[in-house]
Protein backbone atom coordinates (compact mmCIF):
# COMPACT_ATOMS: atom_id res chain seq x y z
CA UNK A 1 159.64 69.40 127.99
CA UNK A 2 162.76 70.12 126.03
CA UNK A 3 162.03 73.36 124.24
CA UNK A 4 162.83 76.79 125.66
CA UNK A 5 159.17 77.75 125.17
CA UNK A 6 158.09 74.85 127.37
CA UNK A 7 160.75 75.71 129.93
CA UNK A 8 159.52 79.32 130.08
CA UNK A 9 155.90 78.20 130.32
CA UNK A 10 156.60 75.99 133.31
CA UNK A 11 159.03 77.99 135.39
CA UNK A 12 157.51 79.71 138.47
CA UNK A 13 157.68 83.48 138.11
CA UNK A 14 156.45 86.75 139.57
CA UNK A 15 155.13 89.72 137.64
CA UNK A 16 155.77 93.06 139.31
CA UNK A 17 155.11 95.64 136.55
CA UNK A 18 151.52 95.24 135.41
CA UNK A 19 148.86 97.92 134.98
CA UNK A 20 145.46 96.33 135.58
CA UNK A 21 143.79 98.84 133.25
CA UNK A 22 146.27 97.69 130.61
CA UNK A 23 144.86 94.15 130.73
CA UNK A 24 141.54 95.31 129.26
CA UNK A 25 141.29 93.03 126.24
CA UNK A 26 139.18 94.36 123.33
CA UNK A 27 136.56 91.63 123.84
CA UNK A 28 136.02 92.63 127.48
CA UNK A 29 136.11 96.33 126.60
CA UNK A 30 133.29 95.86 124.06
CA UNK A 31 131.33 93.68 126.50
CA UNK A 32 131.59 96.22 129.31
CA UNK A 33 130.80 99.08 126.94
CA UNK A 34 127.54 97.38 125.97
CA UNK A 35 126.77 96.44 129.57
CA UNK A 36 127.21 100.02 130.75
CA UNK A 37 125.83 101.83 127.70
CA UNK A 38 129.19 103.44 126.93
CA UNK A 39 129.67 104.49 123.31
CA UNK A 40 133.03 103.38 121.93
CA UNK A 41 134.80 104.38 118.69
CA UNK A 42 135.18 100.66 117.92
CA UNK A 43 132.15 98.67 116.68
CA UNK A 44 133.73 95.35 117.66
CA UNK A 45 136.75 93.75 119.30
CA UNK A 46 138.55 93.10 116.01
CA UNK A 47 138.38 96.78 115.04
CA UNK A 48 139.58 97.80 118.49
CA UNK A 49 142.56 95.46 118.30
CA UNK A 50 143.56 96.89 114.91
CA UNK A 51 143.42 100.38 116.44
CA UNK A 52 146.07 99.39 119.00
CA UNK A 53 148.79 100.91 116.84
CA UNK A 54 151.09 103.29 118.68
CA UNK A 55 154.01 105.48 117.69
CA UNK A 56 155.08 106.47 121.21
CA UNK A 57 153.99 106.48 124.84
CA UNK A 58 151.59 109.40 124.43
CA UNK A 59 149.71 107.89 121.49
CA UNK A 60 149.28 104.73 123.58
CA UNK A 61 148.07 106.67 126.62
CA UNK A 62 145.46 108.50 124.50
CA UNK A 63 143.67 105.26 123.59
CA UNK A 64 144.41 103.68 126.99
CA UNK A 65 142.53 106.40 128.88
CA UNK A 66 139.72 106.33 126.32
CA UNK A 67 139.22 102.60 126.86
CA UNK A 68 138.96 102.97 130.65
CA UNK A 69 135.62 104.76 130.14
CA UNK A 70 133.88 101.36 130.11
CA UNK A 71 134.99 100.64 133.71
CA UNK A 72 132.16 101.96 135.86
CA UNK A 73 130.90 99.45 138.43
CA UNK A 74 132.55 97.34 141.10
CA UNK A 75 131.66 94.31 138.97
CA UNK A 76 133.63 95.79 136.03
CA UNK A 77 136.78 96.10 138.12
CA UNK A 78 136.25 92.59 139.46
CA UNK A 79 135.86 91.16 135.95
CA UNK A 80 138.94 93.03 134.71
CA UNK A 81 141.14 91.92 137.59
CA UNK A 82 140.02 88.32 137.74
CA UNK A 83 140.50 87.90 133.98
CA UNK A 84 144.13 89.02 134.35
CA UNK A 85 144.79 86.81 137.38
CA UNK A 86 143.32 83.79 135.61
CA UNK A 87 145.57 84.42 132.60
CA UNK A 88 148.62 85.03 134.79
CA UNK A 89 148.04 81.85 136.79
CA UNK A 90 147.78 79.89 133.53
CA UNK A 91 151.32 81.10 132.73
CA UNK A 92 152.60 79.97 136.14
CA UNK A 93 152.82 83.47 137.56
CA UNK A 94 152.79 82.68 141.27
CA UNK A 95 152.86 86.26 142.55
CA UNK A 96 151.66 89.50 140.94
CA UNK A 97 152.15 93.08 142.09
CA UNK A 98 149.36 94.96 140.37
CA UNK A 99 149.35 98.67 139.55
CA UNK A 100 146.03 100.49 139.46
CA UNK A 101 145.34 104.11 138.48
CA UNK A 102 142.44 105.42 140.57
CA UNK A 103 142.76 108.94 139.15
CA UNK A 104 141.81 107.55 135.72
CA UNK A 105 138.49 106.66 137.30
CA UNK A 106 137.83 109.21 140.06
CA UNK A 107 138.31 111.98 137.49
CA UNK A 108 135.39 110.40 135.61
CA UNK A 109 133.17 110.38 138.68
CA UNK A 110 133.84 106.77 139.72
CA UNK A 111 134.46 106.49 143.46
CA UNK A 112 137.73 105.20 144.88
CA UNK A 113 135.67 102.65 146.85
CA UNK A 114 134.16 101.21 143.65
CA UNK A 115 137.62 100.70 142.13
CA UNK A 116 139.35 99.18 145.14
CA UNK A 117 136.45 96.94 146.20
CA UNK A 118 136.13 95.40 142.74
CA UNK A 119 139.86 94.76 142.44
CA UNK A 120 140.17 93.39 145.97
CA UNK A 121 137.23 91.02 145.54
CA UNK A 122 138.97 89.47 142.51
CA UNK A 123 142.26 89.28 144.39
CA UNK A 124 140.68 87.46 147.35
CA UNK A 125 138.98 84.95 145.05
CA UNK A 126 142.22 84.37 143.11
CA UNK A 127 144.15 83.67 146.30
CA UNK A 128 141.84 80.79 147.13
CA UNK A 129 141.23 79.37 143.65
CA UNK A 130 144.21 80.14 141.40
CA UNK A 131 147.33 79.52 143.53
CA UNK A 132 148.54 83.10 143.02
CA UNK A 133 149.40 85.76 145.60
CA UNK A 134 149.12 89.47 144.97
CA UNK A 135 149.94 92.93 146.25
CA UNK A 136 148.31 96.15 145.06
CA UNK A 137 150.29 99.26 144.16
CA UNK A 138 148.37 102.49 143.70
CA UNK A 139 149.95 104.65 141.02
CA UNK A 140 149.78 108.43 140.84
CA UNK A 141 149.46 109.97 137.37
CA UNK A 142 152.49 112.16 136.83
CA UNK A 143 150.91 114.31 134.11
CA UNK A 144 148.56 115.63 136.81
CA UNK A 145 149.64 117.87 139.69
CA UNK A 146 151.12 116.74 142.98
CA UNK A 147 148.16 118.42 144.69
CA UNK A 148 145.81 116.08 142.83
CA UNK A 149 148.10 113.17 143.66
CA UNK A 150 148.02 114.01 147.35
CA UNK A 151 144.21 114.02 147.28
CA UNK A 152 144.13 110.47 145.96
CA UNK A 153 146.91 109.48 148.37
CA UNK A 154 144.75 110.68 151.28
CA UNK A 155 141.87 108.55 149.98
CA UNK A 156 144.19 105.53 149.78
CA UNK A 157 145.07 105.75 153.46
CA UNK A 158 141.58 104.55 154.36
CA UNK A 159 142.30 101.37 152.37
CA UNK A 160 145.86 100.85 153.54
CA UNK A 161 145.15 97.27 154.58
CA UNK A 162 144.69 96.46 150.87
CA UNK A 163 147.36 98.70 149.32
CA UNK A 164 151.01 97.70 149.67
CA UNK A 165 152.72 100.37 147.62
CA UNK A 166 152.65 103.74 145.91
CA UNK A 167 153.89 104.16 142.34
CA UNK A 168 154.32 106.88 139.74
CA UNK A 169 153.32 106.36 136.11
CA UNK A 170 152.03 108.08 132.94
CA UNK A 171 153.99 110.54 130.78
CA UNK A 172 157.63 110.78 131.85
CA UNK A 173 158.48 113.69 129.55
CA UNK A 174 157.92 117.07 131.17
CA UNK A 175 156.98 115.53 134.51
CA UNK A 176 160.18 115.15 136.55
CA UNK A 177 160.27 113.20 139.81
CA UNK A 178 160.88 116.41 141.75
CA UNK A 179 157.24 117.27 141.07
CA UNK A 180 156.18 114.53 143.51
CA UNK A 181 158.78 114.87 146.24
CA UNK A 182 156.27 115.65 149.01
CA UNK A 183 153.92 112.84 148.05
CA UNK A 184 156.69 110.24 148.18
CA UNK A 185 157.96 111.59 151.48
CA UNK A 186 154.51 110.91 152.88
CA UNK A 187 154.45 107.45 151.28
CA UNK A 188 157.70 106.59 153.07
CA UNK A 189 156.36 107.95 156.36
CA UNK A 190 153.30 105.71 156.00
CA UNK A 191 155.50 102.66 155.36
CA UNK A 192 154.47 101.98 151.76
CA UNK A 193 156.64 100.20 149.20
CA UNK A 194 157.59 102.88 146.65
CA UNK A 195 158.21 102.45 142.92
CA UNK A 196 158.36 104.82 139.95
CA UNK A 197 158.55 104.70 136.19
CA UNK A 198 161.84 106.15 134.97
CA UNK A 199 164.25 105.63 132.10
CA UNK A 200 161.60 104.57 129.59
CA UNK A 201 161.07 107.83 127.71
CA UNK A 202 163.60 109.55 129.93
CA UNK A 203 167.38 109.23 130.01
CA UNK A 204 169.67 107.77 132.64
CA UNK A 205 169.49 111.19 134.33
CA UNK A 206 165.77 110.59 134.92
CA UNK A 207 166.59 107.38 136.78
CA UNK A 208 169.24 109.15 138.84
CA UNK A 209 166.84 111.98 139.71
CA UNK A 210 164.13 109.51 140.65
CA UNK A 211 166.41 107.61 143.01
CA UNK A 212 167.87 110.75 144.57
CA UNK A 213 164.56 112.59 144.88
CA UNK A 214 161.94 109.93 145.59
CA UNK A 215 164.16 107.21 147.17
CA UNK A 216 162.06 104.47 145.60
CA UNK A 217 162.54 100.76 146.26
CA UNK A 218 162.64 99.89 142.57
CA UNK A 219 162.60 101.48 139.12
CA UNK A 220 159.93 100.56 136.59
CA UNK A 221 161.47 100.17 133.11
CA UNK A 222 164.92 101.71 133.66
CA UNK A 223 166.33 100.53 130.32
CA UNK A 224 168.16 103.83 129.71
CA UNK A 225 170.36 103.23 132.75
CA UNK A 226 172.92 101.70 130.39
CA UNK A 227 173.84 105.20 129.18
CA UNK A 228 175.61 105.87 132.49
CA UNK A 229 178.29 103.45 133.73
CA UNK A 230 178.37 105.04 137.17
CA UNK A 231 174.62 104.61 137.55
CA UNK A 232 174.83 101.00 136.39
CA UNK A 233 177.56 100.29 138.95
CA UNK A 234 175.38 101.74 141.72
CA UNK A 235 172.30 99.81 140.61
CA UNK A 236 174.35 96.60 140.57
CA UNK A 237 175.97 97.28 143.94
CA UNK A 238 172.63 98.07 145.62
CA UNK A 239 170.69 95.50 143.55
CA UNK A 240 167.93 98.03 142.90
CA UNK A 241 165.40 96.16 140.76
CA UNK A 242 164.51 97.28 137.23
CA UNK A 243 161.15 96.02 136.00
CA UNK A 244 161.71 95.70 132.26
CA UNK A 245 158.83 95.22 129.79
CA UNK A 246 160.30 94.05 126.46
CA UNK A 247 157.20 93.94 124.24
CA UNK A 248 156.07 97.31 125.57
CA UNK A 249 159.48 98.83 124.84
CA UNK A 250 159.35 97.67 121.22
CA UNK A 251 155.70 98.67 120.63
CA UNK A 252 156.35 102.16 122.05
CA UNK A 253 159.55 102.56 120.00
CA UNK A 254 161.95 102.66 122.94
CA UNK A 255 163.76 100.08 120.79
CA UNK A 256 163.11 99.64 117.08
CA UNK A 257 163.10 95.86 117.36
CA UNK A 258 163.46 93.17 120.01
CA UNK A 259 166.90 92.33 118.63
CA UNK A 260 168.01 95.83 119.63
CA UNK A 261 166.69 95.52 123.19
CA UNK A 262 169.36 95.74 125.90
CA UNK A 263 167.79 93.19 128.29
CA UNK A 264 170.58 90.64 127.80
CA UNK A 265 173.26 93.29 128.19
CA UNK A 266 171.62 94.44 131.42
CA UNK A 267 171.51 90.88 132.68
CA UNK A 268 175.18 90.34 131.88
CA UNK A 269 176.09 93.49 133.83
CA UNK A 270 174.59 91.89 136.94
CA UNK A 271 171.60 94.25 137.14
CA UNK A 272 168.53 92.94 138.95
CA UNK A 273 166.34 93.00 135.83
CA UNK A 274 162.93 91.35 135.65
CA UNK A 275 160.59 90.61 132.73
CA UNK A 276 157.02 91.88 132.85
CA UNK A 277 154.11 92.60 130.50
CA UNK A 278 153.20 96.21 131.44
CA UNK A 279 149.92 96.56 129.46
CA UNK A 280 149.55 93.15 127.82
CA UNK A 281 146.20 93.74 126.11
CA UNK A 282 147.80 96.54 124.11
CA UNK A 283 151.33 95.25 123.56
CA UNK A 284 150.74 91.78 122.21
CA UNK A 285 151.53 89.44 125.05
CA UNK A 286 151.49 88.51 128.71
CA UNK A 287 154.54 87.61 130.74
CA UNK A 288 155.39 84.31 129.01
CA UNK A 289 155.23 85.96 125.58
CA UNK A 290 157.61 88.64 126.85
CA UNK A 291 160.07 86.00 128.05
CA UNK A 292 159.81 84.01 124.85
CA UNK A 293 160.12 86.86 122.35
CA UNK A 294 163.08 88.31 124.25
CA UNK A 295 164.68 84.86 124.47
CA UNK A 296 164.31 84.22 120.74
CA UNK A 297 165.56 87.63 119.64
CA UNK A 298 168.40 87.96 122.15
CA UNK A 299 169.46 84.30 122.30
CA UNK A 300 168.74 83.91 125.99
CA UNK A 301 169.49 80.45 127.34
CA UNK A 302 167.98 78.44 130.19
CA UNK A 303 170.35 79.95 132.74
CA UNK A 304 169.25 83.44 131.65
CA UNK A 305 165.59 82.44 132.06
CA UNK A 306 166.30 80.99 135.50
CA UNK A 307 168.08 84.18 136.54
CA UNK A 308 165.20 86.35 135.32
CA UNK A 309 162.67 84.20 137.18
CA UNK A 310 164.78 84.32 140.33
CA UNK A 311 165.08 88.10 139.98
CA UNK A 312 161.31 88.42 139.69
CA UNK A 313 160.87 87.06 143.21
CA UNK A 314 163.95 88.72 144.67
CA UNK A 315 162.72 92.09 143.37
CA UNK A 316 159.21 91.59 144.73
CA UNK A 317 157.94 92.91 148.04
CA UNK A 318 157.30 89.42 149.40
CA UNK A 319 158.76 88.50 152.77
CA UNK A 320 162.22 86.92 152.87
CA UNK A 321 160.66 83.58 153.81
CA UNK A 322 158.21 83.62 150.91
CA UNK A 323 160.91 84.70 148.46
CA UNK A 324 163.05 81.74 149.51
CA UNK A 325 160.16 79.32 149.10
CA UNK A 326 159.71 80.43 145.49
CA UNK A 327 163.46 80.42 144.80
CA UNK A 328 163.61 76.84 146.10
CA UNK A 329 160.72 75.98 143.80
CA UNK A 330 162.64 77.39 140.82
CA UNK A 331 165.68 75.31 141.80
CA UNK A 332 163.56 72.14 141.94
CA UNK A 333 161.95 72.98 138.62
CA UNK A 334 165.30 73.61 136.89
CA UNK A 335 166.82 70.42 138.36
CA UNK A 336 163.90 68.32 137.23
CA UNK A 337 164.30 69.61 133.66
CA UNK A 338 168.00 68.74 133.66
CA UNK A 339 167.42 65.17 134.78
């Protein structure tokens, strides 16, 4: 195993920015549509994949929410989740922190119980058969009101044994973090891990506002932090994780090309950056493809890959003991490849 691609394929890693609805591959979408009698604008998987052509975050979200219409039964959510976990395990993802968007489903008349039971059943099976651990993070849709978010938060409390964290996603523009101040105060009171999307569409100021207002444990995306040296210094000093999604950033025109991505610059600054796939069915690759395309375009070396893999576990919400076990595994893996 001498190539960088092989090295990336084999290194143990965590994925901590992954929307389970964003793993809905066209083939499964068409299958579920037929199973549930849902009419889709795509006659087949090939046509659907060609339609995955986005100019910005909003144009992506439009088709993303349309596709979720096929998810109706507990079995659908099980199939969706287990398909992702099987793929992730095949790429040596050892731990995944999975976002799910219940409002995308409850607003269609699907019960919270249907969503969470299907996802959890897949998670339990994956733990015993795929050598992968997981945590679930329930995201609140920021284009909706805080009142609506609080309603879904109250529902989540009944399933707290299965939900590790609360996140904030969807359209960043026009939906500042201040809008969800009360919800995140409650999340902290209940002891949840807290995360929020910021600095993808928004500027460095959006990241600053998110940290100051919501006091989250980590920032999802965060690539625009590099606009503000003071913010970067604080993020480095506090080692606040940034869950970067390279292929997503290029597909949604945050960067015009992978060569323009600032991942390597962020890494060199000492930021706790991680590599993730975001919505892999839509953006052309799972976590290994994100590592590899970034590595090829930005000339990342083995030490950079090791650092990113280490960061993925350090930035996770695993216990200190479990983090160290994975970090030791990375060390053994890297040593064995240098022998």
